[in-house]
């Protein structure tokens, strides 16, 4: 009788779990539909998102380059990533982050991405089918998958051989109890012993167990996608089929690590039978042997999730164009370009009539924002095939910037040294054959005015090589006169009115003819004596006279 009660209870639990699972899928589908094209409320921590990028030392994409940390920070790309990211899984978020760090230098892969983004945008049935296939990977612990695939796996210890034996003994004892050959109480010491043993082992391998836990889910997810009947997925399905041939058995070895239920009952099964520990050690050798295939599956699944995310992002930000990439490296033309991070952006049109541009203007007029706008759009054009503009025509290029530098107390570097090293990156890159977009803001601002001007002139002359595009923002109006043969001049301007300063944030030809530093002091409420005396010094040219006397 007890036997039939146990079986009935188990069947009831399975039916209830299936019902709850189906209800969960319905809720997930509703979440996708309700959130399509909207900024998601929940966020994944950036540190875990970077794991795939950090562990995968080889470049994931042919004919691409990696954006260095300085340029990534200068262009506020953590915020850009957060804006774009609507992925379902940590894997998709990790892949999207890595994708944005590697702009392409040719059109083939960019066009393939565009094809799939359009499919996900225009075919909701397929999009939702992929979304439901991905949902089992949405758990935050799936972020540990790169540890299994790109970090060295632990060696298999000799004592690992005893775990299958213990599992068999535990199963045999339970069977004898169910058949009334042994008393139920004998299960208790076995359970306690296995609990202690499992806890001791898991402390050593916990991060890999968390990773392996979703490796089987990754494989089963790929199997689901292979079964889809959509012609648009033919190429992806071929890739997955090829890489699933030798990896399906891995999912069988670690099936116990995948178990999840609404009540946490499977955790007790894992404790009593040591299924997860046994599966972990039995799978290590197979995983090590099939790492290439597993990485390909991870990247394929991650790419699907990231492309769905981009399709949703486009629904939210629908004022964009597809870039036109040209062979002619003399041409660089954009119309009504803007930065997506701004709530009320002012767009600008711009054309490099000269490959080298100096932008002057007062504080807060928009110089730095414009630099970042061109840099951000250059990266997005070569990663997700979109520019926040009406028209975007450039050659493929590599973006390098030197915008914001701070003292590094940990490394003992001053602001100036950090800036010197940052600009050296640009000088070294200019020697290569690649076309670059160099972005510099207030060059050498961390040192005295005499040496700053001298060094700035020579650096900017060096970068003016007729190969790269150089975009420089500066307050040094002397540079516009000295470098007028090498650099074309543009400026941002402002107007002083009753309410204070007004900016139009529009780019104008020619050098700036206004200053607003003293006006800003007045605007924020500095003492009147400071404003008057400072203004008088400028009118009477006493600052230049003081310089001459000190010299």
Protein backbone atom coordinates (compact mmCIF):
# COMPACT_ATOMS: atom_id res chain seq x y z
CA UNK A 1 0.00 0.00 0.00
CA UNK A 2 2.79 2.40 0.92
CA UNK A 3 4.36 1.65 -2.45
CA UNK A 4 1.22 2.75 -4.37
CA UNK A 5 0.85 5.87 -2.20
CA UNK A 6 4.45 6.85 -2.99
CA UNK A 7 3.93 6.29 -6.71
CA UNK A 8 0.67 8.28 -6.63
CA UNK A 9 2.34 11.14 -4.79
CA UNK A 10 5.19 11.20 -7.30
CA UNK A 11 2.76 11.28 -10.25
CA UNK A 12 0.81 14.10 -8.62
CA UNK A 13 3.99 16.12 -8.14
CA UNK A 14 4.95 15.58 -11.80
CA UNK A 15 1.50 16.67 -13.05
CA UNK A 16 1.52 19.72 -10.81
CA UNK A 17 5.05 20.63 -11.98
CA UNK A 18 3.96 20.36 -15.63
CA UNK A 19 0.95 22.57 -14.96
CA UNK A 20 3.08 25.19 -13.21
CA UNK A 21 5.65 25.02 -16.03
CA UNK A 22 2.96 25.65 -18.66
CA UNK A 23 1.61 28.57 -16.66
CA UNK A 24 5.13 29.96 -16.35
CA UNK A 25 5.57 29.79 -20.14
CA UNK A 26 2.34 31.74 -20.63
CA UNK A 27 3.55 34.44 -18.25
CA UNK A 28 6.91 34.63 -20.03
CA UNK A 29 5.20 35.05 -23.39
CA UNK A 30 3.05 37.84 -21.99
CA UNK A 31 6.17 39.53 -20.61
CA UNK A 32 7.79 39.43 -24.06
CA UNK A 33 4.74 40.91 -25.77
CA UNK A 34 4.20 43.60 -23.14
CA UNK A 35 7.88 44.56 -23.05
CA UNK A 36 8.57 44.50 -26.77
CA UNK A 37 10.25 47.74 -27.80
CA UNK A 38 10.44 49.01 -24.20
CA UNK A 39 13.37 49.52 -21.84
CA UNK A 40 13.33 46.58 -19.39
CA UNK A 41 13.07 47.25 -15.67
CA UNK A 42 15.47 44.53 -14.51
CA UNK A 43 19.19 44.73 -15.20
CA UNK A 44 22.00 42.18 -15.17
CA UNK A 45 25.15 43.24 -13.35
CA UNK A 46 27.82 44.46 -15.77
CA UNK A 47 30.64 42.46 -14.19
CA UNK A 48 29.03 39.12 -15.03
CA UNK A 49 28.09 40.40 -18.50
CA UNK A 50 31.79 41.00 -19.24
CA UNK A 51 32.85 37.39 -18.49
CA UNK A 52 32.63 36.10 -22.06
CA UNK A 53 34.48 39.15 -23.39
CA UNK A 54 37.18 38.85 -20.71
CA UNK A 55 37.69 35.07 -20.96
CA UNK A 56 37.54 34.84 -24.75
CA UNK A 57 40.96 36.23 -25.58
CA UNK A 58 40.73 35.45 -29.29
CA UNK A 59 38.70 37.76 -31.50
CA UNK A 60 35.23 36.28 -32.01
CA UNK A 61 34.65 37.87 -35.41
CA UNK A 62 36.83 37.87 -38.51
CA UNK A 63 37.67 41.25 -40.03
CA UNK A 64 36.94 43.19 -36.87
CA UNK A 65 38.82 45.10 -34.20
CA UNK A 66 38.44 45.46 -30.44
CA UNK A 67 37.47 48.78 -28.87
CA UNK A 68 39.97 49.45 -26.10
CA UNK A 69 38.88 50.27 -22.55
CA UNK A 70 39.76 53.97 -22.87
CA UNK A 71 37.57 54.52 -25.93
CA UNK A 72 34.75 52.40 -24.46
CA UNK A 73 34.73 54.59 -21.33
CA UNK A 74 35.13 57.86 -23.27
CA UNK A 75 32.05 57.10 -25.38
CA UNK A 76 29.91 55.99 -22.37
CA UNK A 77 29.40 52.56 -23.85
CA UNK A 78 28.39 50.90 -20.59
CA UNK A 79 25.34 53.17 -20.73
CA UNK A 80 24.86 52.50 -24.46
CA UNK A 81 24.97 48.75 -23.81
CA UNK A 82 22.44 49.09 -20.99
CA UNK A 83 20.14 50.99 -23.35
CA UNK A 84 20.35 48.34 -26.08
CA UNK A 85 20.25 45.26 -23.85
CA UNK A 86 16.81 43.60 -23.79
CA UNK A 87 18.18 40.05 -23.84
CA UNK A 88 16.38 37.14 -22.20
CA UNK A 89 19.44 35.29 -20.95
CA UNK A 90 22.80 36.15 -19.40
CA UNK A 91 24.34 34.38 -22.41
CA UNK A 92 22.63 36.80 -24.79
CA UNK A 93 23.75 39.78 -22.70
CA UNK A 94 27.33 38.49 -22.64
CA UNK A 95 27.31 37.96 -26.40
CA UNK A 96 25.79 41.40 -27.05
CA UNK A 97 28.45 43.08 -24.90
CA UNK A 98 31.21 41.27 -26.80
CA UNK A 99 29.55 42.13 -30.13
CA UNK A 100 29.61 45.85 -29.28
CA UNK A 101 33.27 45.60 -28.29
CA UNK A 102 34.17 44.26 -31.76
CA UNK A 103 33.08 46.52 -34.65
CA UNK A 104 33.34 44.86 -38.06
CA UNK A 105 35.51 46.04 -40.91
CA UNK A 106 33.53 44.44 -43.74
CA UNK A 107 29.87 44.04 -44.71
CA UNK A 108 29.26 40.29 -44.99
CA UNK A 109 28.60 39.48 -41.32
CA UNK A 110 26.90 42.84 -40.82
CA UNK A 111 24.42 41.95 -43.57
CA UNK A 112 23.75 38.52 -42.02
CA UNK A 113 22.96 40.18 -38.70
CA UNK A 114 20.65 42.62 -40.46
CA UNK A 115 18.76 39.76 -42.13
CA UNK A 116 18.05 38.05 -38.80
CA UNK A 117 17.19 41.31 -37.03
CA UNK A 118 14.57 41.95 -39.73
CA UNK A 119 13.22 38.41 -39.34
CA UNK A 120 12.81 38.92 -35.58
CA UNK A 121 11.25 42.34 -36.16
CA UNK A 122 8.73 41.20 -38.77
CA UNK A 123 7.89 37.63 -37.72
CA UNK A 124 6.57 37.63 -34.14
CA UNK A 125 5.65 33.92 -34.28
CA UNK A 126 9.26 32.92 -34.90
CA UNK A 127 10.56 35.47 -32.38
CA UNK A 128 8.27 34.13 -29.67
CA UNK A 129 9.19 30.54 -30.46
CA UNK A 130 12.87 31.34 -30.01
CA UNK A 131 12.10 33.32 -26.86
CA UNK A 132 10.29 30.36 -25.28
CA UNK A 133 13.16 28.06 -26.24
CA UNK A 134 15.59 30.42 -24.50
CA UNK A 135 13.63 30.92 -21.29
CA UNK A 136 15.27 28.00 -19.41
CA UNK A 137 18.60 29.82 -19.78
CA UNK A 138 17.34 33.07 -18.25
CA UNK A 139 18.35 32.13 -14.70
CA UNK A 140 21.10 34.43 -13.41
CA UNK A 141 23.41 31.45 -12.72
CA UNK A 142 23.62 30.81 -16.47
CA UNK A 143 26.13 33.68 -16.41
CA UNK A 144 28.73 31.16 -15.22
CA UNK A 145 28.73 29.23 -18.52
CA UNK A 146 31.90 30.96 -19.80
CA UNK A 147 33.78 29.34 -16.90
CA UNK A 148 33.12 25.90 -18.43
CA UNK A 149 34.11 26.92 -21.93
CA UNK A 150 36.90 29.49 -21.68
CA UNK A 151 38.55 28.84 -18.31
CA UNK A 152 40.79 25.80 -17.61
CA UNK A 153 38.66 22.96 -16.22
CA UNK A 154 39.71 21.32 -12.94
CA UNK A 155 41.55 18.03 -13.18
CA UNK A 156 39.57 14.91 -12.38
CA UNK A 157 40.76 13.56 -8.97
CA UNK A 158 41.26 9.84 -8.31
CA UNK A 159 38.54 9.78 -5.66
CA UNK A 160 35.97 10.80 -8.31
CA UNK A 161 35.64 7.08 -9.13
CA UNK A 162 33.81 6.39 -5.86
CA UNK A 163 30.86 8.71 -6.54
CA UNK A 164 29.07 6.44 -9.06
CA UNK A 165 29.51 3.57 -6.59
CA UNK A 166 27.97 5.60 -3.76
CA UNK A 167 25.10 6.58 -6.09
CA UNK A 168 24.43 2.91 -6.89
CA UNK A 169 24.52 1.95 -3.22
CA UNK A 170 22.13 4.79 -2.32
CA UNK A 171 19.72 3.74 -5.06
CA UNK A 172 19.88 0.07 -4.02
CA UNK A 173 19.12 0.91 -0.38
CA UNK A 174 16.13 3.04 -1.38
CA UNK A 175 14.81 0.25 -3.60
CA UNK A 176 15.11 -2.29 -0.76
CA UNK A 177 13.26 0.11 1.56
CA UNK A 178 10.44 0.52 -0.95
CA UNK A 179 10.23 -3.28 -1.24
CA UNK A 180 10.10 -3.52 2.58
CA UNK A 181 13.36 -5.43 2.85
CA UNK A 182 14.96 -2.64 4.91
CA UNK A 183 13.56 -0.19 7.42
CA UNK A 184 13.09 3.43 6.27
CA UNK A 185 15.48 4.67 8.98
CA UNK A 186 18.55 3.35 7.13
CA UNK A 187 18.07 6.10 4.54
CA UNK A 188 18.78 8.81 7.13
CA UNK A 189 22.51 8.08 7.77
CA UNK A 190 23.09 7.66 4.02
CA UNK A 191 21.41 10.99 3.34
CA UNK A 192 23.47 12.74 6.05
CA UNK A 193 26.74 11.17 4.85
CA UNK A 194 26.06 12.16 1.23
CA UNK A 195 25.02 15.66 2.31
CA UNK A 196 28.33 16.22 4.13
CA UNK A 197 30.36 14.68 1.31
CA UNK A 198 28.54 16.71 -1.34
CA UNK A 199 28.97 19.97 0.60
CA UNK A 200 32.72 19.35 0.97
CA UNK A 201 33.20 18.61 -2.74
CA UNK A 202 30.96 21.45 -3.98
CA UNK A 203 33.00 24.05 -2.11
CA UNK A 204 35.92 23.20 -4.42
CA UNK A 205 34.02 23.03 -7.68
CA UNK A 206 30.92 25.13 -7.02
CA UNK A 207 31.49 27.72 -9.75
CA UNK A 208 31.96 24.91 -12.31
CA UNK A 209 28.93 23.02 -11.03
CA UNK A 210 26.87 26.21 -11.51
CA UNK A 211 28.31 26.44 -15.01
CA UNK A 212 27.77 22.76 -15.88
CA UNK A 213 24.26 23.06 -14.55
CA UNK A 214 23.34 25.15 -17.59
CA UNK A 215 25.55 23.40 -20.10
CA UNK A 216 22.97 20.66 -20.50
CA UNK A 217 20.23 23.30 -20.77
CA UNK A 218 22.27 25.04 -23.47
CA UNK A 219 22.50 21.79 -25.45
CA UNK A 220 18.79 20.99 -25.07
CA UNK A 221 17.92 24.58 -26.09
CA UNK A 222 19.99 24.14 -29.25
CA UNK A 223 18.12 20.88 -29.92
CA UNK A 224 14.80 22.72 -29.70
CA UNK A 225 15.91 25.41 -32.15
CA UNK A 226 17.16 22.77 -34.60
CA UNK A 227 13.61 21.36 -34.68
CA UNK A 228 12.03 24.66 -35.79
CA UNK A 229 10.37 24.68 -39.22
CA UNK A 230 11.49 28.10 -40.43
CA UNK A 231 13.48 28.55 -43.64
CA UNK A 232 15.16 31.68 -42.23
CA UNK A 233 16.93 29.51 -39.65
CA UNK A 234 18.44 27.04 -42.12
CA UNK A 235 22.02 28.31 -41.76
CA UNK A 236 21.82 28.55 -37.96
CA UNK A 237 20.28 25.08 -37.71
CA UNK A 238 23.07 23.65 -39.86
CA UNK A 239 25.68 25.14 -37.48
CA UNK A 240 23.87 23.80 -34.43
CA UNK A 241 23.33 20.32 -35.92
CA UNK A 242 27.02 20.03 -36.76
CA UNK A 243 28.07 20.96 -33.25
CA UNK A 244 25.42 18.87 -31.49
CA UNK A 245 26.62 15.58 -32.95
CA UNK A 246 29.24 14.89 -30.31
CA UNK A 247 27.84 17.01 -27.49
CA UNK A 248 24.36 15.56 -26.90
CA UNK A 249 25.83 12.84 -24.69
CA UNK A 250 27.25 15.53 -22.39
CA UNK A 251 23.71 16.63 -21.58
CA UNK A 252 22.90 13.05 -20.60
CA UNK A 253 25.89 12.89 -18.24
CA UNK A 254 24.89 16.06 -16.42
CA UNK A 255 21.11 15.71 -16.64
CA UNK A 256 20.83 15.80 -12.83
CA UNK A 257 22.37 19.29 -12.76
CA UNK A 258 19.52 20.62 -14.89
CA UNK A 259 16.67 19.52 -12.66
CA UNK A 260 14.53 22.34 -11.36
CA UNK A 261 11.04 22.28 -9.88
CA UNK A 262 8.81 24.75 -8.12
CA UNK A 263 9.30 23.03 -4.75
CA UNK A 264 13.05 22.33 -4.75
CA UNK A 265 12.48 18.56 -4.41
CA UNK A 266 15.12 17.66 -6.99
CA UNK A 267 17.77 19.17 -4.74
CA UNK A 268 17.07 16.36 -2.26
CA UNK A 269 17.44 13.80 -5.06
CA UNK A 270 20.83 15.30 -5.93
CA UNK A 271 21.91 15.14 -2.28
CA UNK A 272 20.81 11.55 -1.70
CA UNK A 273 22.06 10.08 -4.98
CA UNK A 274 25.03 12.47 -5.51
CA UNK A 275 23.76 12.80 -9.07
CA UNK A 276 25.17 16.27 -9.72
CA UNK A 277 28.65 15.47 -8.36
CA UNK A 278 28.82 12.17 -10.28
CA UNK A 279 27.57 13.87 -13.43
CA UNK A 280 30.08 16.69 -13.04
CA UNK A 281 33.11 14.42 -12.92
CA UNK A 282 31.83 12.06 -15.58
CA UNK A 283 31.31 14.99 -17.97
CA UNK A 284 34.67 16.77 -17.54
CA UNK A 285 36.58 14.68 -20.07
CA UNK A 286 33.83 14.94 -22.69
CA UNK A 287 33.54 18.70 -22.23
CA UNK A 288 37.29 19.15 -22.54
CA UNK A 289 37.26 17.08 -25.74
CA UNK A 290 34.34 19.01 -27.29
CA UNK A 291 35.11 22.56 -26.20
CA UNK A 292 35.16 23.91 -29.76
CA UNK A 293 31.68 22.56 -30.48
CA UNK A 294 30.28 23.76 -27.15
CA UNK A 295 31.69 27.25 -27.70
CA UNK A 296 30.03 27.37 -31.12
CA UNK A 297 26.66 26.39 -29.59
CA UNK A 298 27.06 29.03 -26.85
CA UNK A 299 27.87 31.73 -29.41
CA UNK A 300 25.03 30.74 -31.74
CA UNK A 301 22.43 30.78 -28.94
CA UNK A 302 23.89 34.02 -27.59
CA UNK A 303 23.75 35.65 -31.02
CA UNK A 304 20.04 34.79 -31.44
CA UNK A 305 19.18 36.34 -28.08
CA UNK A 306 21.26 39.44 -28.79
CA UNK A 307 19.70 39.97 -32.23
CA UNK A 308 16.18 39.74 -30.75
CA UNK A 309 17.33 42.36 -28.26
CA UNK A 310 18.52 44.65 -31.06
CA UNK A 311 15.20 44.20 -32.89
CA UNK A 312 13.35 45.28 -29.73
CA UNK A 313 15.75 48.20 -29.27
CA UNK A 314 14.96 49.41 -32.78
CA UNK A 315 11.25 49.47 -31.96
CA UNK A 316 12.01 51.86 -29.09
CA UNK A 317 14.46 54.05 -31.04
CA UNK A 318 13.01 54.10 -34.52
CA UNK A 319 14.74 57.31 -35.74
CA UNK A 320 17.76 55.74 -37.37
CA UNK A 321 19.19 54.78 -40.74
CA UNK A 322 21.30 51.97 -42.07
CA UNK A 323 24.88 53.08 -42.77
CA UNK A 324 26.35 53.21 -46.23
CA UNK A 325 29.95 52.01 -46.25
CA UNK A 326 32.15 53.16 -49.12
CA UNK A 327 35.59 52.26 -50.42
CA UNK A 328 36.52 55.90 -50.91
CA UNK A 329 38.28 56.95 -47.72
CA UNK A 330 38.02 60.60 -48.66
CA UNK A 331 34.31 60.76 -47.89
CA UNK A 332 32.62 61.09 -44.49
CA UNK A 333 29.09 62.50 -44.50
CA UNK A 334 26.30 62.38 -41.91
CA UNK A 335 22.93 64.13 -41.79
CA UNK A 336 21.04 65.02 -38.60
CA UNK A 337 23.12 62.75 -36.39
CA UNK A 338 22.48 62.57 -32.64
CA UNK A 339 23.43 60.68 -29.47
CA UNK A 340 20.81 58.15 -28.22
CA UNK A 341 21.77 58.76 -24.58
CA UNK A 342 20.33 62.29 -24.69
CA UNK A 343 16.67 62.72 -23.80
CA UNK A 344 16.17 65.74 -26.07
CA UNK A 345 19.05 65.58 -28.53
CA UNK A 346 19.88 68.30 -31.05
CA UNK A 347 20.96 66.75 -34.33
CA UNK A 348 23.80 67.98 -36.53
CA UNK A 349 24.80 67.47 -40.13
CA UNK A 350 28.46 67.21 -40.94
CA UNK A 351 30.85 66.44 -43.77
CA UNK A 352 34.61 66.02 -43.62
CA UNK A 353 35.68 68.37 -46.40
CA UNK A 354 39.06 68.07 -44.76
CA UNK A 355 40.11 64.89 -43.00
CA UNK A 356 41.16 66.95 -40.01
CA UNK A 357 38.75 69.11 -38.03
CA UNK A 358 39.25 71.53 -35.13
CA UNK A 359 36.12 72.36 -33.16
CA UNK A 360 36.16 75.37 -30.86
CA UNK A 361 33.50 76.94 -28.70
CA UNK A 362 32.59 77.97 -25.21
CA UNK A 363 32.03 75.71 -22.22
CA UNK A 364 28.81 73.65 -22.35
CA UNK A 365 28.22 74.58 -25.99
CA UNK A 366 28.25 70.95 -27.19
CA UNK A 367 31.79 70.17 -28.36
CA UNK A 368 32.34 67.01 -26.30
CA UNK A 369 28.81 65.76 -26.94
CA UNK A 370 29.38 66.08 -30.68
CA UNK A 371 32.66 64.16 -30.46
CA UNK A 372 30.94 61.36 -28.56
CA UNK A 373 28.03 61.39 -30.99
CA UNK A 374 30.28 60.66 -33.98
CA UNK A 375 32.22 58.02 -32.03
CA UNK A 376 29.11 56.22 -30.75
CA UNK A 377 27.49 56.16 -34.18
CA UNK A 378 30.69 54.91 -35.83
CA UNK A 379 30.71 51.92 -33.46
CA UNK A 380 26.98 51.18 -33.72
CA UNK A 381 27.13 51.41 -37.51
CA UNK A 382 29.78 48.67 -37.61
CA UNK A 383 28.20 46.44 -34.94
CA UNK A 384 24.40 46.58 -35.19
CA UNK A 385 24.15 48.22 -38.63
CA UNK A 386 22.36 51.36 -37.50
CA UNK A 387 23.21 55.02 -37.12
CA UNK A 388 21.16 57.56 -35.20
CA UNK A 389 20.89 59.90 -38.16
CA UNK A 390 18.98 60.46 -41.39
CA UNK A 391 22.01 59.57 -43.50
CA UNK A 392 25.37 58.03 -42.69
CA UNK A 393 28.11 57.51 -45.29
CA UNK A 394 31.68 56.60 -44.27
CA UNK A 395 34.39 54.06 -44.95
CA UNK A 396 34.92 51.29 -42.41
CA UNK A 397 37.13 52.71 -39.69
CA UNK A 398 38.60 52.03 -36.26
CA UNK A 399 37.59 54.43 -33.49
CA UNK A 400 40.16 55.61 -30.95
CA UNK A 401 39.59 58.45 -28.52
CA UNK A 402 41.20 60.50 -25.79
CA UNK A 403 38.44 62.43 -24.06
CA UNK A 404 38.22 62.02 -20.32
CA UNK A 405 41.25 61.17 -18.19
CA UNK A 406 41.65 61.29 -14.42
CA UNK A 407 44.44 60.88 -11.90
CA UNK A 408 44.99 57.23 -11.04
CA UNK A 409 45.86 57.09 -7.35
CA UNK A 410 46.25 53.30 -7.38
CA UNK A 411 48.88 53.33 -10.13
CA UNK A 412 50.34 56.65 -8.99
CA UNK A 413 49.64 58.35 -12.32
CA UNK A 414 48.85 62.03 -12.67
CA UNK A 415 46.17 63.33 -14.98
CA UNK A 416 48.82 64.51 -17.41
CA UNK A 417 50.67 61.18 -17.54
CA UNK A 418 47.39 59.34 -18.08
CA UNK A 419 46.62 61.72 -20.95
CA UNK A 420 50.10 61.35 -22.46
CA UNK A 421 49.72 57.57 -22.51
CA UNK A 422 46.22 57.84 -23.93
CA UNK A 423 47.32 60.01 -26.86
CA UNK A 424 50.28 57.72 -27.55
CA UNK A 425 47.71 55.00 -28.46
CA UNK A 426 46.49 57.24 -31.26
CA UNK A 427 49.98 58.08 -32.50
CA UNK A 428 50.95 54.40 -32.69
CA UNK A 429 47.68 53.47 -34.41
CA UNK A 430 48.21 56.17 -37.05
CA UNK A 431 51.29 54.27 -38.28
CA UNK A 432 49.18 51.28 -39.35
CA UNK A 433 47.39 50.87 -42.69
CA UNK A 434 43.90 50.92 -41.14
CA UNK A 435 41.64 53.96 -41.45
CA UNK A 436 40.86 55.50 -38.06
CA UNK A 437 38.52 58.02 -36.56
CA UNK A 438 40.66 59.79 -33.94
CA UNK A 439 38.72 61.79 -31.35
CA UNK A 440 40.54 64.17 -28.99
CA UNK A 441 39.06 66.56 -26.46
CA UNK A 442 41.14 69.38 -24.93
CA UNK A 443 44.51 67.88 -25.78
CA UNK A 444 47.16 68.06 -23.01
CA UNK A 445 44.91 70.07 -20.69
CA UNK A 446 46.81 68.62 -17.71
CA UNK A 447 49.93 70.76 -18.11
CA UNK A 448 51.00 74.43 -18.43
CA UNK A 449 49.79 76.53 -21.36
CA UNK A 450 53.19 77.05 -23.07
CA UNK A 451 54.11 73.35 -23.24
CA UNK A 452 50.51 72.36 -23.94
CA UNK A 453 50.38 74.52 -27.05
CA UNK A 454 53.76 73.35 -28.35
CA UNK A 455 53.03 69.65 -27.79
CA UNK A 456 49.49 69.95 -29.17
CA UNK A 457 50.71 71.52 -32.41
CA UNK A 458 53.22 68.75 -33.07
CA UNK A 459 50.86 65.91 -32.16
CA UNK A 460 48.06 67.26 -34.35
CA UNK A 461 50.45 67.83 -37.25
CA UNK A 462 51.65 64.22 -36.85
CA UNK A 463 48.07 62.85 -36.92
CA UNK A 464 47.20 64.87 -40.05
CA UNK A 465 48.41 62.06 -42.33
CA UNK A 466 45.75 62.18 -45.09
CA UNK A 467 44.66 58.63 -44.17
CA UNK A 468 42.81 58.98 -40.87
CA UNK A 469 39.95 61.26 -39.84
CA UNK A 470 40.94 63.49 -36.91
CA UNK A 471 38.33 65.28 -34.82
CA UNK A 472 39.64 67.64 -32.13
CA UNK A 473 37.77 69.87 -29.65
CA UNK A 474 39.76 72.64 -28.03
CA UNK A 475 39.60 75.96 -26.21
CA UNK A 476 43.00 76.98 -27.65
CA UNK A 477 42.05 79.43 -30.39
CA UNK A 478 45.75 79.74 -31.26
CA UNK A 479 45.57 76.23 -32.69
CA UNK A 480 43.01 77.35 -35.26
CA UNK A 481 45.48 79.95 -36.59
CA UNK A 482 48.66 77.88 -36.44
CA UNK A 483 47.07 74.72 -37.93
CA UNK A 484 44.82 76.42 -40.47
CA UNK A 485 46.53 74.59 -43.37
CA UNK A 486 46.14 71.13 -41.79
CA UNK A 487 42.75 71.49 -40.05
CA UNK A 488 39.39 72.94 -41.07
CA UNK A 489 37.59 74.93 -38.36
CA UNK A 490 34.11 74.56 -36.91
CA UNK A 491 32.58 75.86 -33.72
CA UNK A 492 29.63 75.76 -31.33
CA UNK A 493 28.23 79.05 -30.10
CA UNK A 494 26.00 80.56 -27.41
CA UNK A 495 24.03 83.72 -26.76
CA UNK A 496 23.93 85.78 -23.58
CA UNK A 497 20.35 86.70 -22.68
CA UNK A 498 18.40 87.91 -19.64
CA UNK A 499 17.94 84.38 -18.33
CA UNK A 500 21.63 83.60 -18.75
CA UNK A 501 23.35 81.67 -21.54
CA UNK A 502 21.47 80.04 -24.41
CA UNK A 503 23.01 77.33 -26.59
CA UNK A 504 21.74 76.13 -29.94
CA UNK A 505 24.07 73.06 -29.89
CA UNK A 506 24.49 73.37 -33.66
CA UNK A 507 27.78 73.06 -35.48
CA UNK A 508 28.85 76.19 -37.41
CA UNK A 509 31.73 76.69 -39.86
CA UNK A 510 34.80 78.68 -38.82
CA UNK A 511 36.54 79.18 -35.45
CA UNK A 512 34.74 80.41 -32.35
CA UNK A 513 34.76 84.13 -31.64
CA UNK A 514 33.24 84.06 -28.15
CA UNK A 515 34.17 83.00 -24.62
CA UNK A 516 31.82 82.30 -21.74
CA UNK A 517 33.94 81.21 -18.77
CA UNK A 518 33.48 84.51 -16.88
CA UNK A 519 29.79 84.64 -17.84
CA UNK A 520 29.30 81.19 -16.32
CA UNK A 521 30.85 82.38 -13.05
CA UNK A 522 28.35 85.22 -13.00
CA UNK A 523 25.47 82.92 -13.95
CA UNK A 524 26.02 80.53 -11.02
CA UNK A 525 26.41 83.37 -8.50
CA UNK A 526 30.12 84.14 -7.97
CA UNK A 527 30.88 87.36 -6.01
CA UNK A 528 30.48 90.46 -8.18
CA UNK A 529 34.04 91.64 -7.44
CA UNK A 530 35.49 88.49 -8.99
CA UNK A 531 33.42 88.93 -12.14
CA UNK A 532 34.31 92.64 -12.55
CA UNK A 533 38.02 92.23 -11.86
CA UNK A 534 38.36 89.19 -14.09
CA UNK A 535 36.56 90.98 -16.93
CA UNK A 536 38.79 94.05 -16.50
CA UNK A 537 41.92 91.92 -16.68
CA UNK A 538 40.77 90.53 -20.02
CA UNK A 539 39.87 94.01 -21.35
CA UNK A 540 43.15 95.55 -20.24
CA UNK A 541 45.15 92.51 -21.42
CA UNK A 542 46.86 92.36 -17.99
CA UNK A 543 47.01 88.57 -18.13
CA UNK A 544 49.26 88.62 -21.19
CA UNK A 545 51.40 91.35 -19.58
CA UNK A 546 51.74 89.24 -16.42
CA UNK A 547 52.88 86.32 -18.56
CA UNK A 548 55.52 88.49 -20.25
CA UNK A 549 56.85 89.81 -16.90
CA UNK A 550 57.06 86.30 -15.44
CA UNK A 551 58.88 85.11 -18.56
